[in-house]
Structure formats: C-alpha cells, structure tokens
C-alpha cells in the first residue's frame, strides 16, 4: 500500500508540473498562442511579417523566426540568436501592435530591393528614440528580416523614410 501511495504521489507531481507549464516555465518562454497580436482587416506591406518577427523574438520561437529569414540566415539561427538582453525591455513592453510603417528602396546588384521599417515601441527614457523592425523584399510580398532586424532609430531618421512602398 505504501508503494502504491508513493507511486500515485509521484505520478500526480509529474502531472501537476507539466500542466503548470513544466518545460516552458523552465525555459522562461512565453507561448506564441498566449500573446495577443493586434488583428487588422488590411495590413500595410510588411506589417504582418513585422508582427510575426516580434512575436518570435518575444516568445523566443526560433522556428517562427526562421520563417522570416532568408536562405543562409535561416540556417544560422538558433536559440542563442533569441537570447538578446538588449531586446528584453522593449519586447516586454510591446503591446502586439505596429505603430507606424515606413519604406525605402535600393538597387543591389542590379536588382530592386525594398525595405520596410515597422515602429513598434518608443523608448520610455527618450521619446526621440523608437524601436523598429527592419525587413526587406525583392518582390514586395515576401518579407524577410535584415541582418540586424531589431533597431533603435532616432525619430527624425525614421520620419525621413517614405510613408508608402516605392514603385
């Protein structure tokens, strides 16, 4: 009887631990499905991709981030890429919305490249600094992260960008 009680207690403890967030609690991860993104009927170019990139960083979901990374970069991404203490504060205060989108373009090796900049948070200590996700596209539809996707921009620098995607 004593062995049965110990076995029952052990099983109950394991069940309780896993139902209370066992693995994700150990890793300090927030689940993507538990975070509420702002949902819109119409998204600006790159806006939905920017939300997903931020969600990936916020929840430390490498697989989700890889969906928005180009070729070689997706192979290089791992758990260490998600562990960025400098992003923690800005991502923890992010409310799931994109405040404003700006755009630019360039020609790289004879090919048009389009850039989207998604303002998602303002620096609490300095309102002239904003946090921005940087994405790029060659077809204006598939958006991928740039080499350094989360940046801090001066408000004036961000406002110099175009409000509409260049033709």
Protein backbone atom coordinates (compact mmCIF):
# COMPACT_ATOMS: atom_id res chain seq x y z
CA UNK A 1 0.00 0.00 0.00
CA UNK A 2 2.85 2.38 0.87
CA UNK A 3 4.48 1.79 -2.55
CA UNK A 4 1.19 2.49 -4.29
CA UNK A 5 0.83 5.78 -2.40
CA UNK A 6 4.37 6.81 -3.33
CA UNK A 7 3.76 5.88 -6.98
CA UNK A 8 0.47 7.81 -7.02
CA UNK A 9 2.13 10.87 -5.43
CA UNK A 10 4.99 10.75 -7.92
CA UNK A 11 2.61 10.48 -10.91
CA UNK A 12 0.45 13.30 -9.56
CA UNK A 13 3.53 15.52 -9.07
CA UNK A 14 4.73 14.93 -12.63
CA UNK A 15 1.26 15.63 -13.99
CA UNK A 16 0.97 18.81 -11.96
CA UNK A 17 4.41 20.03 -13.03
CA UNK A 18 3.74 19.53 -16.74
CA UNK A 19 0.24 21.01 -16.60
CA UNK A 20 1.56 24.16 -14.87
CA UNK A 21 4.00 24.93 -17.63
CA UNK A 22 6.79 22.46 -16.89
CA UNK A 23 9.09 22.85 -19.90
CA UNK A 24 8.09 26.36 -20.95
CA UNK A 25 8.33 27.60 -17.37
CA UNK A 26 11.83 26.10 -17.10
CA UNK A 27 12.95 27.81 -20.29
CA UNK A 28 11.27 31.11 -19.40
CA UNK A 29 9.39 31.03 -22.69
CA UNK A 30 6.05 32.61 -23.32
CA UNK A 31 3.92 30.69 -25.78
CA UNK A 32 3.12 32.48 -29.03
CA UNK A 33 -0.54 31.44 -28.86
CA UNK A 34 -0.85 33.16 -25.47
CA UNK A 35 0.31 36.55 -26.75
CA UNK A 36 -2.35 38.72 -28.41
CA UNK A 37 -1.36 40.46 -31.63
CA UNK A 38 -3.35 43.37 -32.97
CA UNK A 39 -5.51 41.98 -35.78
CA UNK A 40 -6.44 44.21 -38.73
CA UNK A 41 -8.59 43.76 -41.76
CA UNK A 42 -5.95 45.33 -44.02
CA UNK A 43 -2.23 45.24 -43.33
CA UNK A 44 0.33 47.53 -44.91
CA UNK A 45 3.17 45.82 -46.84
CA UNK A 46 5.49 44.11 -44.37
CA UNK A 47 3.35 44.90 -41.34
CA UNK A 48 2.12 41.39 -40.64
CA UNK A 49 5.62 39.96 -41.15
CA UNK A 50 6.97 42.52 -38.67
CA UNK A 51 4.41 41.41 -36.09
CA UNK A 52 5.43 37.78 -36.55
CA UNK A 53 9.13 38.60 -36.23
CA UNK A 54 8.45 40.50 -33.00
CA UNK A 55 6.31 37.64 -31.73
CA UNK A 56 9.15 35.21 -32.48
CA UNK A 57 11.63 37.33 -30.53
CA UNK A 58 9.17 37.96 -27.68
CA UNK A 59 8.39 34.25 -27.25
CA UNK A 60 11.90 33.09 -28.25
CA UNK A 61 10.45 30.94 -31.04
CA UNK A 62 13.37 30.14 -33.36
CA UNK A 63 11.20 28.16 -35.79
CA UNK A 64 8.83 31.11 -36.27
CA UNK A 65 11.75 33.49 -36.81
CA UNK A 66 13.25 31.13 -39.41
CA UNK A 67 10.07 31.54 -41.48
CA UNK A 68 11.06 35.21 -41.90
CA UNK A 69 14.77 34.68 -42.51
CA UNK A 70 16.39 34.36 -45.90
CA UNK A 71 18.44 31.33 -47.05
CA UNK A 72 21.75 31.29 -45.19
CA UNK A 73 20.41 33.29 -42.26
CA UNK A 74 17.70 30.73 -41.51
CA UNK A 75 20.34 28.01 -41.23
CA UNK A 76 22.43 30.13 -38.83
CA UNK A 77 19.58 30.98 -36.43
CA UNK A 78 19.49 29.07 -33.17
CA UNK A 79 18.45 29.54 -29.52
CA UNK A 80 21.42 31.85 -28.91
CA UNK A 81 20.10 34.28 -31.53
CA UNK A 82 16.94 34.66 -29.46
CA UNK A 83 18.77 35.44 -26.22
CA UNK A 84 19.28 39.19 -26.60
CA UNK A 85 19.11 41.03 -23.25
CA UNK A 86 19.19 44.37 -25.08
CA UNK A 87 15.82 43.48 -26.67
CA UNK A 88 14.15 42.28 -23.47
CA UNK A 89 12.81 45.60 -22.16
CA UNK A 90 11.46 46.84 -25.47
CA UNK A 91 9.87 43.49 -26.29
CA UNK A 92 8.35 43.02 -22.84
CA UNK A 93 6.54 46.35 -23.13
CA UNK A 94 5.39 45.71 -26.73
CA UNK A 95 1.58 45.53 -26.89
CA UNK A 96 1.26 43.48 -30.11
CA UNK A 97 0.64 46.41 -32.44
CA UNK A 98 2.69 48.16 -35.08
CA UNK A 99 2.52 51.92 -34.53
CA UNK A 100 3.65 53.04 -37.98
CA UNK A 101 5.24 51.70 -41.18
CA UNK A 102 7.84 53.44 -43.33
CA UNK A 103 9.59 52.32 -46.52
CA UNK A 104 12.64 52.74 -48.71
CA UNK A 105 14.22 51.05 -51.71
CA UNK A 106 17.62 50.49 -53.25
CA UNK A 107 19.24 48.69 -56.16
CA UNK A 108 21.56 45.90 -55.07
CA UNK A 109 23.47 44.00 -57.76
CA UNK A 110 21.06 45.23 -60.46
CA UNK A 111 18.00 44.14 -58.50
CA UNK A 112 15.42 46.32 -56.76
CA UNK A 113 15.29 45.73 -53.02
CA UNK A 114 12.50 47.17 -50.89
CA UNK A 115 12.78 47.89 -47.19
CA UNK A 116 10.01 48.09 -44.61
CA UNK A 117 10.53 49.67 -41.19
CA UNK A 118 7.92 48.88 -38.55
CA UNK A 119 7.85 51.15 -35.49
CA UNK A 120 6.56 49.03 -32.61
CA UNK A 121 7.66 50.81 -29.42
CA UNK A 122 9.06 54.14 -28.25
CA UNK A 123 11.96 54.36 -25.82
CA UNK A 124 10.47 55.19 -22.41
CA UNK A 125 13.51 57.25 -21.36
CA UNK A 126 13.95 59.13 -24.63
CA UNK A 127 10.81 59.77 -26.75
CA UNK A 128 13.05 60.77 -29.68
CA UNK A 129 14.20 57.14 -30.00
CA UNK A 130 11.98 54.44 -31.41
CA UNK A 131 12.32 50.69 -31.75
CA UNK A 132 11.95 49.42 -35.29
CA UNK A 133 11.84 46.06 -37.09
CA UNK A 134 13.72 46.15 -40.42
CA UNK A 135 12.58 43.87 -43.23
CA UNK A 136 13.47 43.56 -46.89
CA UNK A 137 11.83 42.15 -50.01
CA UNK A 138 12.65 41.76 -53.67
CA UNK A 139 9.03 41.29 -54.77
CA UNK A 140 7.10 43.49 -52.27
CA UNK A 141 5.26 40.43 -50.99
CA UNK A 142 7.67 38.06 -49.20
CA UNK A 143 9.34 39.98 -46.39
CA UNK A 144 12.43 38.68 -44.58
CA UNK A 145 14.49 40.05 -41.74
CA UNK A 146 17.61 42.06 -42.40
CA UNK A 147 20.95 41.13 -40.84
CA UNK A 148 20.09 43.16 -37.71
CA UNK A 149 16.28 43.13 -37.62
CA UNK A 150 15.61 45.00 -34.35
CA UNK A 151 17.00 48.52 -34.32
CA UNK A 152 16.79 51.81 -32.47
CA UNK A 153 16.13 54.80 -34.72
CA UNK A 154 16.02 58.49 -33.98
CA UNK A 155 12.51 59.77 -34.63
CA UNK A 156 13.81 62.18 -37.30
CA UNK A 157 15.65 59.39 -39.16
CA UNK A 158 12.53 57.21 -39.16
CA UNK A 159 10.36 60.08 -40.42
CA UNK A 160 12.74 60.62 -43.37
CA UNK A 161 11.58 57.26 -44.77
CA UNK A 162 8.66 57.11 -47.21
CA UNK A 163 5.10 56.57 -45.95
CA UNK A 164 4.24 54.38 -48.95
CA UNK A 165 6.06 51.50 -50.58
CA UNK A 166 8.10 52.87 -53.53
CA UNK A 167 7.04 51.84 -57.03
